[in-house]
C-alpha atoms as a PDB file:
ATOM      1  CA  UNK A   1      78.942 117.901  76.742  1.00  0.00           C
ATOM      2  CA  UNK A   2      79.681 115.839  79.876  1.00  0.00           C
ATOM      3  CA  UNK A   3      76.469 117.090  81.474  1.00  0.00           C
ATOM      4  CA  UNK A   4      74.508 115.953  78.432  1.00  0.00           C
ATOM      5  CA  UNK A   5      76.149 112.529  78.647  1.00  0.00           C
ATOM      6  CA  UNK A   6      75.086 112.219  82.286  1.00  0.00           C
ATOM      7  CA  UNK A   7      71.517 112.939  81.241  1.00  0.00           C
ATOM      8  CA  UNK A   8      71.798 110.179  78.636  1.00  0.00           C
ATOM      9  CA  UNK A   9      72.209 107.593  81.381  1.00  0.00           C
ATOM     10  CA  UNK A  10      72.255 103.788  81.601  1.00  0.00           C
ATOM     11  CA  UNK A  11      68.651 103.597  80.357  1.00  0.00           C
ATOM     12  CA  UNK A  12      69.954 104.334  76.864  1.00  0.00           C
ATOM     13  CA  UNK A  13      72.236 102.434  74.532  1.00  0.00           C
ATOM     14  CA  UNK A  14      75.087 104.231  72.768  1.00  0.00           C
ATOM     15  CA  UNK A  15      73.038 105.121  69.673  1.00  0.00           C
ATOM     16  CA  UNK A  16      70.200 106.470  71.820  1.00  0.00           C
ATOM     17  CA  UNK A  17      72.638 108.561  73.857  1.00  0.00           C
ATOM     18  CA  UNK A  18      73.901 110.155  70.664  1.00  0.00           C
ATOM     19  CA  UNK A  19      70.298 110.756  69.564  1.00  0.00           C
ATOM     20  CA  UNK A  20      69.602 112.579  72.827  1.00  0.00           C
ATOM     21  CA  UNK A  21      72.708 114.752  72.553  1.00  0.00           C
ATOM     22  CA  UNK A  22      72.012 115.510  68.899  1.00  0.00           C
ATOM     23  CA  UNK A  23      68.398 116.483  69.595  1.00  0.00           C
ATOM     24  CA  UNK A  24      69.163 119.082  72.291  1.00  0.00           C
ATOM     25  CA  UNK A  25      69.433 122.783  71.520  1.00  0.00           C
ATOM     26  CA  UNK A  26      71.013 125.734  73.331  1.00  0.00           C
ATOM     27  CA  UNK A  27      69.075 128.375  75.208  1.00  0.00           C
ATOM     28  CA  UNK A  28      70.898 131.373  76.667  1.00  0.00           C
ATOM     29  CA  UNK A  29      69.118 133.046  79.588  1.00  0.00           C
ATOM     30  CA  UNK A  30      69.516 136.270  81.536  1.00  0.00           C
ATOM     31  CA  UNK A  31      69.341 136.823  85.289  1.00  0.00           C
ATOM     32  CA  UNK A  32      65.730 137.071  86.417  1.00  0.00           C
ATOM     33  CA  UNK A  33      64.321 135.270  83.373  1.00  0.00           C
ATOM     34  CA  UNK A  34      61.600 132.687  84.137  1.00  0.00           C
ATOM     35  CA  UNK A  35      62.250 129.470  82.227  1.00  0.00           C
ATOM     36  CA  UNK A  36      59.150 127.499  83.275  1.00  0.00           C
ATOM     37  CA  UNK A  37      56.021 128.689  85.071  1.00  0.00           C
ATOM     38  CA  UNK A  38      53.955 126.777  87.575  1.00  0.00           C
ATOM     39  CA  UNK A  39      50.697 125.503  86.058  1.00  0.00           C
ATOM     40  CA  UNK A  40      51.784 125.814  82.425  1.00  0.00           C
ATOM     41  CA  UNK A  41      51.857 122.893  79.994  1.00  0.00           C
ATOM     42  CA  UNK A  42      55.233 121.186  79.739  1.00  0.00           C
ATOM     43  CA  UNK A  43      57.251 121.905  76.622  1.00  0.00           C
ATOM     44  CA  UNK A  44      60.945 121.212  77.250  1.00  0.00           C
ATOM     45  CA  UNK A  45      63.385 119.448  79.534  1.00  0.00           C
ATOM     46  CA  UNK A  46      66.405 121.571  80.500  1.00  0.00           C
ATOM     47  CA  UNK A  47      69.974 120.595  81.404  1.00  0.00           C
ATOM     48  CA  UNK A  48      72.154 123.259  83.000  1.00  0.00           C
ATOM     49  CA  UNK A  49      75.478 123.969  81.312  1.00  0.00           C
ATOM     50  CA  UNK A  50      76.221 127.086  83.364  1.00  0.00           C
ATOM     51  CA  UNK A  51      74.464 129.480  85.698  1.00  0.00           C
ATOM     52  CA  UNK A  52      72.456 129.437  88.927  1.00  0.00           C
ATOM     53  CA  UNK A  53      68.722 128.671  88.912  1.00  0.00           C
ATOM     54  CA  UNK A  54      66.031 128.300  91.557  1.00  0.00           C
ATOM     55  CA  UNK A  55      62.751 126.395  91.619  1.00  0.00           C
ATOM     56  CA  UNK A  56      59.951 128.073  93.550  1.00  0.00           C
ATOM     57  CA  UNK A  57      56.229 127.917  94.221  1.00  0.00           C
ATOM     58  CA  UNK A  58      53.828 130.819  94.512  1.00  0.00           C
ATOM     59  CA  UNK A  59      52.194 131.277  97.917  1.00  0.00           C
ATOM     60  CA  UNK A  60      49.561 133.694  99.068  1.00  0.00           C
ATOM     61  CA  UNK A  61      51.401 136.947  99.532  1.00  0.00           C
ATOM     62  CA  UNK A  62      54.748 135.649  98.312  1.00  0.00           C
ATOM     63  CA  UNK A  63      56.703 132.597  97.198  1.00  0.00           C
ATOM     64  CA  UNK A  64      58.835 129.786  98.585  1.00  0.00           C
ATOM     65  CA  UNK A  65      62.124 128.640  97.063  1.00  0.00           C
ATOM     66  CA  UNK A  66      62.169 124.840  96.809  1.00  0.00           C
ATOM     67  CA  UNK A  67      65.609 124.170  95.397  1.00  0.00           C
ATOM     68  CA  UNK A  68      68.643 125.973  94.009  1.00  0.00           C
ATOM     69  CA  UNK A  69      70.666 124.591  91.084  1.00  0.00           C
ATOM     70  CA  UNK A  70      74.249 125.819  91.003  1.00  0.00           C
ATOM     71  CA  UNK A  71      76.034 125.212  87.699  1.00  0.00           C
ATOM     72  CA  UNK A  72      74.623 121.680  87.390  1.00  0.00           C
ATOM     73  CA  UNK A  73      71.447 119.637  87.263  1.00  0.00           C
ATOM     74  CA  UNK A  74      68.338 119.284  85.135  1.00  0.00           C
ATOM     75  CA  UNK A  75      64.725 120.334  85.551  1.00  0.00           C
ATOM     76  CA  UNK A  76      61.403 119.991  83.791  1.00  0.00           C
ATOM     77  CA  UNK A  77      61.477 116.234  83.167  1.00  0.00           C
ATOM     78  CA  UNK A  78      58.658 115.215  85.531  1.00  0.00           C
ATOM     79  CA  UNK A  79      55.975 117.147  83.674  1.00  0.00           C
ATOM     80  CA  UNK A  80      57.176 115.613  80.416  1.00  0.00           C
ATOM     81  CA  UNK A  81      57.151 112.104  81.839  1.00  0.00           C
ATOM     82  CA  UNK A  82      53.702 112.292  83.379  1.00  0.00           C
ATOM     83  CA  UNK A  83      51.969 114.674  80.957  1.00  0.00           C
ATOM     84  CA  UNK A  84      50.925 117.119  83.665  1.00  0.00           C
ATOM     85  CA  UNK A  85      51.213 120.880  84.252  1.00  0.00           C
ATOM     86  CA  UNK A  86      54.393 122.295  85.715  1.00  0.00           C
ATOM     87  CA  UNK A  87      54.428 121.760  89.488  1.00  0.00           C
ATOM     88  CA  UNK A  88      56.730 124.719  90.161  1.00  0.00           C
ATOM     89  CA  UNK A  89      58.424 127.632  88.450  1.00  0.00           C
ATOM     90  CA  UNK A  90      62.127 127.939  87.657  1.00  0.00           C
ATOM     91  CA  UNK A  91      63.994 131.197  87.085  1.00  0.00           C
ATOM     92  CA  UNK A  92      67.584 132.186  86.406  1.00  0.00           C
ATOM     93  CA  UNK A  93      69.390 133.789  89.337  1.00  0.00           C
ATOM     94  CA  UNK A  94      72.347 134.562  87.075  1.00  0.00           C
ATOM     95  CA  UNK A  95      72.821 134.532  83.338  1.00  0.00           C
ATOM     96  CA  UNK A  96      73.497 131.053  82.013  1.00  0.00           C
ATOM     97  CA  UNK A  97      73.330 128.452  79.281  1.00  0.00           C
ATOM     98  CA  UNK A  98      70.780 125.643  79.130  1.00  0.00           C
ATOM     99  CA  UNK A  99      70.460 122.667  76.827  1.00  0.00           C
ATOM    100  CA  UNK A 100      66.830 121.880  76.018  1.00  0.00           C
ATOM    101  CA  UNK A 101      64.951 118.900  74.611  1.00  0.00           C
ATOM    102  CA  UNK A 102      61.389 119.150  73.380  1.00  0.00           C
ATOM    103  CA  UNK A 103      58.567 116.995  74.689  1.00  0.00           C
ATOM    104  CA  UNK A 104      58.153 114.820  71.597  1.00  0.00           C
ATOM    105  CA  UNK A 105      61.839 113.898  71.407  1.00  0.00           C
ATOM    106  CA  UNK A 106      62.019 113.229  75.145  1.00  0.00           C
ATOM    107  CA  UNK A 107      59.080 110.855  75.092  1.00  0.00           C
ATOM    108  CA  UNK A 108      60.241 109.071  71.941  1.00  0.00           C
ATOM    109  CA  UNK A 109      63.846 108.489  72.988  1.00  0.00           C
ATOM    110  CA  UNK A 110      64.035 108.569  76.798  1.00  0.00           C
ATOM    111  CA  UNK A 111      60.700 107.088  77.822  1.00  0.00           C
ATOM    112  CA  UNK A 112      60.850 104.577  74.970  1.00  0.00           C
ATOM    113  CA  UNK A 113      64.268 103.440  76.162  1.00  0.00           C
ATOM    114  CA  UNK A 114      63.013 103.054  79.718  1.00  0.00           C
ATOM    115  CA  UNK A 115      60.158 100.844  78.565  1.00  0.00           C
ATOM    116  CA  UNK A 116      62.585  98.729  76.519  1.00  0.00           C
ATOM    117  CA  UNK A 117      64.843  98.398  79.559  1.00  0.00           C
ATOM    118  CA  UNK A 118      61.928  97.335  81.758  1.00  0.00           C
ATOM    119  CA  UNK A 119      60.848  94.639  79.282  1.00  0.00           C
ATOM    120  CA  UNK A 120      64.415  93.359  78.956  1.00  0.00           C
ATOM    121  CA  UNK A 121      64.896  93.207  82.718  1.00  0.00           C
ATOM    122  CA  UNK A 122      61.522  91.485  83.187  1.00  0.00           C
ATOM    123  CA  UNK A 123      62.645  88.796  80.720  1.00  0.00           C
ATOM    124  CA  UNK A 124      65.902  88.316  82.645  1.00  0.00           C
ATOM    125  CA  UNK A 125      63.999  87.915  85.923  1.00  0.00           C
ATOM    126  CA  UNK A 126      61.394  85.554  84.439  1.00  0.00           C
ATOM    127  CA  UNK A 127      64.163  83.178  83.323  1.00  0.00           C
ATOM    128  CA  UNK A 128      65.636  82.927  86.833  1.00  0.00           C
ATOM    129  CA  UNK A 129      64.254  80.268  89.164  1.00  0.00           C
ATOM    130  CA  UNK A 130      64.492  82.491  92.228  1.00  0.00           C
ATOM    131  CA  UNK A 131      62.009  84.970  90.727  1.00  0.00           C
ATOM    132  CA  UNK A 132      59.547  82.499  89.222  1.00  0.00           C
ATOM    133  CA  UNK A 133      57.530  82.323  92.444  1.00  0.00           C
ATOM    134  CA  UNK A 134      56.784  86.044  92.126  1.00  0.00           C
ATOM    135  CA  UNK A 135      53.854  87.504  90.231  1.00  0.00           C
ATOM    136  CA  UNK A 136      54.499  89.357  86.955  1.00  0.00           C
ATOM    137  CA  UNK A 137      53.575  92.574  88.762  1.00  0.00           C
ATOM    138  CA  UNK A 138      56.206  91.914  91.429  1.00  0.00           C
ATOM    139  CA  UNK A 139      58.825  91.153  88.798  1.00  0.00           C
ATOM    140  CA  UNK A 140      57.911  94.378  87.029  1.00  0.00           C
ATOM    141  CA  UNK A 141      58.384  96.315  90.280  1.00  0.00           C
ATOM    142  CA  UNK A 142      61.802  94.717  90.759  1.00  0.00           C
ATOM    143  CA  UNK A 143      62.751  95.494  87.147  1.00  0.00           C
ATOM    144  CA  UNK A 144      62.006  99.178  87.793  1.00  0.00           C
ATOM    145  CA  UNK A 145      64.419  99.162  90.763  1.00  0.00           C
ATOM    146  CA  UNK A 146      67.357  97.505  88.998  1.00  0.00           C
ATOM    147  CA  UNK A 147      70.427  99.609  88.276  1.00  0.00           C
ATOM    148  CA  UNK A 148      73.032  98.637  85.679  1.00  0.00           C
ATOM    149  CA  UNK A 149      76.745  98.671  86.540  1.00  0.00           C
ATOM    150  CA  UNK A 150      79.613  97.843  84.177  1.00  0.00           C
ATOM    151  CA  UNK A 151      82.947  96.341  85.250  1.00  0.00           C
ATOM    152  CA  UNK A 152      86.011  95.894  83.078  1.00  0.00           C
ATOM    153  CA  UNK A 153      88.123  92.726  82.842  1.00  0.00           C
ATOM    154  CA  UNK A 154      90.054  92.123  86.068  1.00  0.00           C
ATOM    155  CA  UNK A 155      88.014  94.579  88.109  1.00  0.00           C
ATOM    156  CA  UNK A 156      86.858  93.441  91.560  1.00  0.00           C
ATOM    157  CA  UNK A 157      83.112  93.648  92.132  1.00  0.00           C
ATOM    158  CA  UNK A 158      83.299  92.269  95.685  1.00  0.00           C
ATOM    159  CA  UNK A 159      86.257  91.356  97.906  1.00  0.00           C
ATOM    160  CA  UNK A 160      86.488  88.517 100.383  1.00  0.00           C
ATOM    161  CA  UNK A 161      86.576  89.726 103.981  1.00  0.00           C
ATOM    162  CA  UNK A 162      84.956  93.097 103.330  1.00  0.00           C
ATOM    163  CA  UNK A 163      82.560  94.203 106.050  1.00  0.00           C
ATOM    164  CA  UNK A 164      78.973  94.168 104.869  1.00  0.00           C
ATOM    165  CA  UNK A 165      77.568  97.680 104.624  1.00  0.00           C
ATOM    166  CA  UNK A 166      73.979  98.780 105.002  1.00  0.00           C
ATOM    167  CA  UNK A 167      74.029  99.670 101.290  1.00  0.00           C
ATOM    168  CA  UNK A 168      74.862  96.085 100.254  1.00  0.00           C
ATOM    169  CA  UNK A 169      73.360  94.995  96.951  1.00  0.00           C
ATOM    170  CA  UNK A 170      72.084  91.902  95.179  1.00  0.00           C
ATOM    171  CA  UNK A 171      73.802  91.316  91.819  1.00  0.00           C
ATOM    172  CA  UNK A 172      72.481  89.688  88.619  1.00  0.00           C
ATOM    173  CA  UNK A 173      74.837  89.094  85.703  1.00  0.00           C
ATOM    174  CA  UNK A 174      73.316  90.370  82.466  1.00  0.00           C
ATOM    175  CA  UNK A 175      76.443  90.170  80.278  1.00  0.00           C
ATOM    176  CA  UNK A 176      79.961  88.846  80.747  1.00  0.00           C
ATOM    177  CA  UNK A 177      81.536  86.506  83.291  1.00  0.00           C
ATOM    178  CA  UNK A 178      82.344  86.726  87.012  1.00  0.00           C
ATOM    179  CA  UNK A 179      84.893  84.451  88.707  1.00  0.00           C
ATOM    180  CA  UNK A 180      84.530  83.597  92.398  1.00  0.00           C
ATOM    181  CA  UNK A 181      87.759  83.116  94.355  1.00  0.00           C
ATOM    182  CA  UNK A 182      87.820  81.956  97.964  1.00  0.00           C
ATOM    183  CA  UNK A 183      90.475  81.364 100.591  1.00  0.00           C
ATOM    184  CA  UNK A 184      90.598  77.608 101.206  1.00  0.00           C
ATOM    185  CA  UNK A 185      93.114  76.079 103.610  1.00  0.00           C
ATOM    186  CA  UNK A 186      95.147  79.273 103.607  1.00  0.00           C
ATOM    187  CA  UNK A 187      95.380  79.894  99.864  1.00  0.00           C
ATOM    188  CA  UNK A 188      93.196  81.677  97.342  1.00  0.00           C
ATOM    189  CA  UNK A 189      91.455  79.314  94.933  1.00  0.00           C
ATOM    190  CA  UNK A 190      88.994  79.760  92.112  1.00  0.00           C
ATOM    191  CA  UNK A 191      85.710  78.049  92.905  1.00  0.00           C
ATOM    192  CA  UNK A 192      84.019  78.704  89.580  1.00  0.00           C
ATOM    193  CA  UNK A 193      82.872  81.241  87.035  1.00  0.00           C
ATOM    194  CA  UNK A 194      79.331  82.538  86.613  1.00  0.00           C
ATOM    195  CA  UNK A 195      77.713  83.834  83.438  1.00  0.00           C
ATOM    196  CA  UNK A 196      74.527  85.638  82.391  1.00  0.00           C
ATOM    197  CA  UNK A 197      71.454  84.824  84.462  1.00  0.00           C
ATOM    198  CA  UNK A 198      73.450  83.950  87.570  1.00  0.00           C
ATOM    199  CA  UNK A 199      73.321  86.055  90.719  1.00  0.00           C
ATOM    200  CA  UNK A 200      75.433  86.749  93.784  1.00  0.00           C
ATOM    201  CA  UNK A 201      75.505  89.006  96.827  1.00  0.00           C
ATOM    202  CA  UNK A 202      72.465  87.471  98.482  1.00  0.00           C
ATOM    203  CA  UNK A 203      74.327  86.363 101.615  1.00  0.00           C
ATOM    204  CA  UNK A 204      75.057  89.988 102.416  1.00  0.00           C
ATOM    205  CA  UNK A 205      71.349  90.711 102.432  1.00  0.00           C
ATOM    206  CA  UNK A 206      70.289  87.880 104.721  1.00  0.00           C
ATOM    207  CA  UNK A 207      73.361  88.043 106.988  1.00  0.00           C
ATOM    208  CA  UNK A 208      73.925  91.652 107.896  1.00  0.00           C
ATOM    209  CA  UNK A 209      76.541  91.124 110.624  1.00  0.00           C
ATOM    210  CA  UNK A 210      79.149  89.301 108.615  1.00  0.00           C
ATOM    211  CA  UNK A 211      81.834  89.774 105.950  1.00  0.00           C
ATOM    212  CA  UNK A 212      82.068  88.936 102.263  1.00  0.00           C
ATOM    213  CA  UNK A 213      82.769  85.237 101.804  1.00  0.00           C
ATOM    214  CA  UNK A 214      84.596  85.439  98.450  1.00  0.00           C
ATOM    215  CA  UNK A 215      86.102  87.658  95.786  1.00  0.00           C
ATOM    216  CA  UNK A 216      83.958  88.297  92.720  1.00  0.00           C
ATOM    217  CA  UNK A 217      86.070  89.418  89.750  1.00  0.00           C
ATOM    218  CA  UNK A 218      84.967  90.399  86.235  1.00  0.00           C
ATOM    219  CA  UNK A 219      86.770  88.117  83.755  1.00  0.00           C
ATOM    220  CA  UNK A 220      85.684  90.175  80.747  1.00  0.00           C
ATOM    221  CA  UNK A 221      83.658  93.329  80.302  1.00  0.00           C
ATOM    222  CA  UNK A 222      80.686  92.527  82.535  1.00  0.00           C
ATOM    223  CA  UNK A 223      77.330  94.204  83.051  1.00  0.00           C
ATOM    224  CA  UNK A 224      75.484  93.453  86.280  1.00  0.00           C
ATOM    225  CA  UNK A 225      72.051  94.528  87.429  1.00  0.00           C
ATOM    226  CA  UNK A 226      71.914  95.503  91.084  1.00  0.00           C
ATOM    227  CA  UNK A 227      69.065  95.658  93.575  1.00  0.00           C
ATOM    228  CA  UNK A 228      69.518  97.687  96.756  1.00  0.00           C
ATOM    229  CA  UNK A 229      68.988  96.149 100.183  1.00  0.00           C
ATOM    230  CA  UNK A 230      65.912  98.328 100.728  1.00  0.00           C
ATOM    231  CA  UNK A 231      64.298  97.283  97.442  1.00  0.00           C
ATOM    232  CA  UNK A 232      65.291  93.664  98.054  1.00  0.00           C
ATOM    233  CA  UNK A 233      63.549  93.592 101.427  1.00  0.00           C
ATOM    234  CA  UNK A 234      60.446  95.361 100.105  1.00  0.00           C
ATOM    235  CA  UNK A 235      59.964  93.427  96.887  1.00  0.00           C
ATOM    236  CA  UNK A 236      61.409  89.934  97.082  1.00  0.00           C
ATOM    237  CA  UNK A 237      58.567  88.458  99.147  1.00  0.00           C
ATOM    238  CA  UNK A 238      58.270  84.669  98.494  1.00  0.00           C
ATOM    239  CA  UNK A 239      61.749  84.579  96.988  1.00  0.00           C
ATOM    240  CA  UNK A 240      63.271  85.161 100.414  1.00  0.00           C
ATOM    241  CA  UNK A 241      62.410  81.558 101.328  1.00  0.00           C
ATOM    242  CA  UNK A 242      64.432  80.348  98.341  1.00  0.00           C
ATOM    243  CA  UNK A 243      67.356  82.495  99.454  1.00  0.00           C
ATOM    244  CA  UNK A 244      67.144  81.064 102.971  1.00  0.00           C
ATOM    245  CA  UNK A 245      67.409  77.579 101.461  1.00  0.00           C
ATOM    246  CA  UNK A 246      70.461  78.681  99.482  1.00  0.00           C
ATOM    247  CA  UNK A 247      72.111  80.034 102.608  1.00  0.00           C
ATOM    248  CA  UNK A 248      71.648  76.607 104.191  1.00  0.00           C
ATOM    249  CA  UNK A 249      73.255  75.014 101.115  1.00  0.00           C
ATOM    250  CA  UNK A 250      76.138  77.443 101.432  1.00  0.00           C
ATOM    251  CA  UNK A 251      76.636  76.492 105.079  1.00  0.00           C
ATOM    252  CA  UNK A 252      76.795  72.808 104.150  1.00  0.00           C
ATOM    253  CA  UNK A 253      79.182  73.487 101.294  1.00  0.00           C
ATOM    254  CA  UNK A 254      81.420  75.982 103.055  1.00  0.00           C
ATOM    255  CA  UNK A 255      83.489  73.352 104.828  1.00  0.00           C
ATOM    256  CA  UNK A 256      83.972  71.323 101.625  1.00  0.00           C
ATOM    257  CA  UNK A 257      87.309  72.334 100.064  1.00  0.00           C
ATOM    258  CA  UNK A 258      86.322  70.750  96.744  1.00  0.00           C
ATOM    259  CA  UNK A 259      83.074  72.717  96.465  1.00  0.00           C
ATOM    260  CA  UNK A 260      82.759  74.826  93.305  1.00  0.00           C
ATOM    261  CA  UNK A 261      80.198  77.122  91.781  1.00  0.00           C
ATOM    262  CA  UNK A 262      79.817  74.792  88.813  1.00  0.00           C
ATOM    263  CA  UNK A 263      79.094  71.841  91.037  1.00  0.00           C
ATOM    264  CA  UNK A 264      76.199  73.600  92.703  1.00  0.00           C
ATOM    265  CA  UNK A 265      75.099  76.427  90.402  1.00  0.00           C
ATOM    266  CA  UNK A 266      72.377  77.744  92.710  1.00  0.00           C
ATOM    267  CA  UNK A 267      74.745  78.717  95.505  1.00  0.00           C
ATOM    268  CA  UNK A 268      76.918  81.805  95.413  1.00  0.00           C
ATOM    269  CA  UNK A 269      79.411  82.872  98.034  1.00  0.00           C
ATOM    270  CA  UNK A 270      78.859  86.497  98.871  1.00  0.00           C
END
């Protein structure tokens, strides 16, 4: 069941996750059995409950193993997503148990949910000043790269003084509230709370050789959308100029002990 839940990922809401789990059916397989064949039309997506499987391609005079699945993983989804023949074959190395979902259900639930997520994320981006200089196509590309993360009340998202890693991310608050706390004159002080539509983490992306400038703490159950450094650098384009301006505002504000997020809502601290 846990493997099915991992398949029903953040693209789906709770009802859709239950729909996915309820729509899947068991398939027991024996060692040597071919589950999908290269070149055939796609029928099902498979999630491995138990067993060892290998994906392979036929070559002149033999075959080449591409990947081995050992007691975990899923296969067959790409042909369902893109309506194309199977790109490789998969067979069972040992006996095992698979959970399968047919093409129609997959496209209705999973792909439908992904399209809903993209539209929702595009609306979030369109309402934010930093992204309004981008074209709709650019915003759509960014929406496709966003990953949802959920933090519970009191959980630290970022910590002041942390070294900035190469995998640093840009954060957008979709739901909830995030409090920023900063060390000022030797003591930790709250400098404001941010809500939906606000963002933080941009300093880490434009200043790679530095440390986090503040704590960011979830003050209720909070959902953030994150953009990786790589995607940020590839896709932000004209918005980088806006971020550079915000870094300058941060520099001016950083020495002001009375500065708060609420006083200057376009500047974050991390």
